[in-house]
C-alpha atoms as a PDB file:
ATOM      1  CA  MET A   1      -2.414  24.267  -1.608  1.00  0.00           C
ATOM      2  CA  THR A   2       1.257  25.195  -1.546  1.00  0.00           C
ATOM      3  CA  THR A   3       3.873  22.483  -1.214  1.00  0.00           C
ATOM      4  CA  ALA A   4       4.841  23.704   2.266  1.00  0.00           C
ATOM      5  CA  LEU A   5       1.243  23.620   3.485  1.00  0.00           C
ATOM      6  CA  LEU A   6       0.695  20.226   1.889  1.00  0.00           C
ATOM      7  CA  LYS A   7       3.786  18.759   3.585  1.00  0.00           C
ATOM      8  CA  ASP A   8       2.700  20.261   6.886  1.00  0.00           C
ATOM      9  CA  ARG A   9      -0.758  18.679   6.609  1.00  0.00           C
ATOM     10  CA  ILE A  10       0.667  15.315   5.538  1.00  0.00           C
ATOM     11  CA  SER A  11       3.016  15.301   8.523  1.00  0.00           C
ATOM     12  CA  GLU A  12       0.064  16.072  10.805  1.00  0.00           C
ATOM     13  CA  ILE A  13      -1.891  13.176   9.280  1.00  0.00           C
ATOM     14  CA  ILE A  14       1.090  10.865   9.848  1.00  0.00           C
ATOM     15  CA  GLU A  15       1.274  11.875  13.506  1.00  0.00           C
ATOM     16  CA  GLU A  16      -2.488  11.359  13.905  1.00  0.00           C
ATOM     17  CA  VAL A  17      -2.689   7.920  12.265  1.00  0.00           C
ATOM     18  CA  SER A  18       0.370   6.659  14.133  1.00  0.00           C
ATOM     19  CA  SER A  19      -1.162   7.799  17.439  1.00  0.00           C
ATOM     20  CA  GLY A  20       1.900   9.938  18.027  1.00  0.00           C
ATOM     21  CA  SER A  21       4.490   7.175  17.621  1.00  0.00           C
ATOM     22  CA  VAL A  22       5.808   9.158  14.639  1.00  0.00           C
ATOM     23  CA  THR A  23       5.770  12.856  15.434  1.00  0.00           C
ATOM     24  CA  LYS A  24       5.249  15.612  12.903  1.00  0.00           C
ATOM     25  CA  GLU A  25       8.938  16.518  13.167  1.00  0.00           C
ATOM     26  CA  GLN A  26      10.023  12.910  12.646  1.00  0.00           C
ATOM     27  CA  ALA A  27       7.723  12.602   9.642  1.00  0.00           C
ATOM     28  CA  LEU A  28       9.310  15.670   8.049  1.00  0.00           C
ATOM     29  CA  ASP A  29      12.849  14.334   8.628  1.00  0.00           C
ATOM     30  CA  ALA A  30      13.872  12.856   5.269  1.00  0.00           C
ATOM     31  CA  LYS A  31      16.877  10.948   6.657  1.00  0.00           C
ATOM     32  CA  SER A  32      14.884   7.723   7.064  1.00  0.00           C
ATOM     33  CA  ASP A  33      11.579   6.347   5.847  1.00  0.00           C
ATOM     34  CA  LEU A  34       8.392   5.965   7.855  1.00  0.00           C
ATOM     35  CA  THR A  35       8.892   2.236   8.404  1.00  0.00           C
ATOM     36  CA  ASP A  36      12.279   2.926   9.998  1.00  0.00           C
ATOM     37  CA  LYS A  37      10.543   5.432  12.276  1.00  0.00           C
ATOM     38  CA  GLY A  38       8.107   2.805  13.553  1.00  0.00           C
ATOM     39  CA  PHE A  39       5.176   3.250  11.180  1.00  0.00           C
ATOM     40  CA  THR A  40       3.063   0.065  11.162  1.00  0.00           C
ATOM     41  CA  SER A  41       1.085  -1.589   8.379  1.00  0.00           C
ATOM     42  CA  LEU A  42      -2.117  -0.456  10.085  1.00  0.00           C
ATOM     43  CA  SER A  43      -0.771   3.095  10.156  1.00  0.00           C
ATOM     44  CA  PHE A  44      -0.101   2.898   6.410  1.00  0.00           C
ATOM     45  CA  LEU A  45      -3.687   1.811   5.724  1.00  0.00           C
ATOM     46  CA  GLN A  46      -5.008   4.638   7.886  1.00  0.00           C
ATOM     47  CA  LEU A  47      -2.632   7.055   6.145  1.00  0.00           C
ATOM     48  CA  ILE A  48      -3.888   5.994   2.717  1.00  0.00           C
ATOM     49  CA  ASP A  49      -7.494   6.420   3.825  1.00  0.00           C
ATOM     50  CA  ALA A  50      -6.824   9.855   5.317  1.00  0.00           C
ATOM     51  CA  VAL A  51      -4.844  11.092   2.299  1.00  0.00           C
ATOM     52  CA  GLU A  52      -7.529   9.886  -0.100  1.00  0.00           C
ATOM     53  CA  THR A  53     -10.321  11.442   1.968  1.00  0.00           C
ATOM     54  CA  GLU A  54      -8.695  14.732   2.928  1.00  0.00           C
ATOM     55  CA  LEU A  55      -6.635  15.435  -0.164  1.00  0.00           C
ATOM     56  CA  GLY A  56      -8.961  14.012  -2.793  1.00  0.00           C
ATOM     57  CA  VAL A  57      -6.614  11.573  -4.508  1.00  0.00           C
ATOM     58  CA  TYR A  58      -6.836   7.847  -5.209  1.00  0.00           C
ATOM     59  CA  ILE A  59      -3.962   5.567  -4.219  1.00  0.00           C
ATOM     60  CA  ASP A  60      -3.812   2.288  -6.151  1.00  0.00           C
ATOM     61  CA  LEU A  61      -2.523  -0.338  -3.720  1.00  0.00           C
ATOM     62  CA  GLU A  62      -1.639  -2.640  -6.606  1.00  0.00           C
ATOM     63  CA  GLY A  63       0.722  -0.035  -8.075  1.00  0.00           C
ATOM     64  CA  ASP A  64       4.024   1.303  -6.814  1.00  0.00           C
ATOM     65  CA  THR A  65       3.410   2.655  -3.305  1.00  0.00           C
ATOM     66  CA  GLY A  66       7.023   3.412  -2.431  1.00  0.00           C
ATOM     67  CA  PHE A  67       6.172   7.113  -2.345  1.00  0.00           C
ATOM     68  CA  LEU A  68       4.250   6.472   0.893  1.00  0.00           C
ATOM     69  CA  GLN A  69       7.528   6.144   2.786  1.00  0.00           C
ATOM     70  CA  SER A  70       8.067   9.910   3.068  1.00  0.00           C
ATOM     71  CA  VAL A  71       6.261  13.217   3.311  1.00  0.00           C
ATOM     72  CA  ASP A  72       8.081  14.413   0.182  1.00  0.00           C
ATOM     73  CA  GLY A  73       6.971  11.311  -1.728  1.00  0.00           C
ATOM     74  CA  ILE A  74       3.350  11.682  -0.673  1.00  0.00           C
ATOM     75  CA  ALA A  75       3.349  15.409  -1.476  1.00  0.00           C
ATOM     76  CA  GLY A  76       4.821  14.702  -4.923  1.00  0.00           C
ATOM     77  CA  TYR A  77       2.166  12.062  -5.566  1.00  0.00           C
ATOM     78  CA  VAL A  78      -0.663  14.361  -4.483  1.00  0.00           C
ATOM     79  CA  HIS A  79       0.645  17.144  -6.735  1.00  0.00           C
ATOM     80  CA  SER A  80       0.975  14.762  -9.695  1.00  0.00           C
ATOM     81  CA  GLN A  81      -2.575  13.499  -9.208  1.00  0.00           C
ATOM     82  CA  SER A  82      -3.968  16.985  -8.782  1.00  0.00           C
ATOM     83  CA  ALA A  83      -2.316  18.071 -12.035  1.00  0.00           C
ATOM     84  CA  ALA A  84      -3.672  15.071 -13.938  1.00  0.00           C
END
């Protein structure tokens, strides 16, 4: 999957798990992180589940999860895990 398609899908997942409180466009805006945009702790758990299920990666919740704050961070993580 290309980076552009991956970011597009991640932003769609973010909109879905937040029940629309964070739109696809807002998710793609790198000026602030997802928490600043109103993403809740429940949304983060749903995001992790969806990313793991749909994109086939494992996210260790005991490790550094700062990458979950942005579409770019999540896309970078998915690419790094896919290459491993």
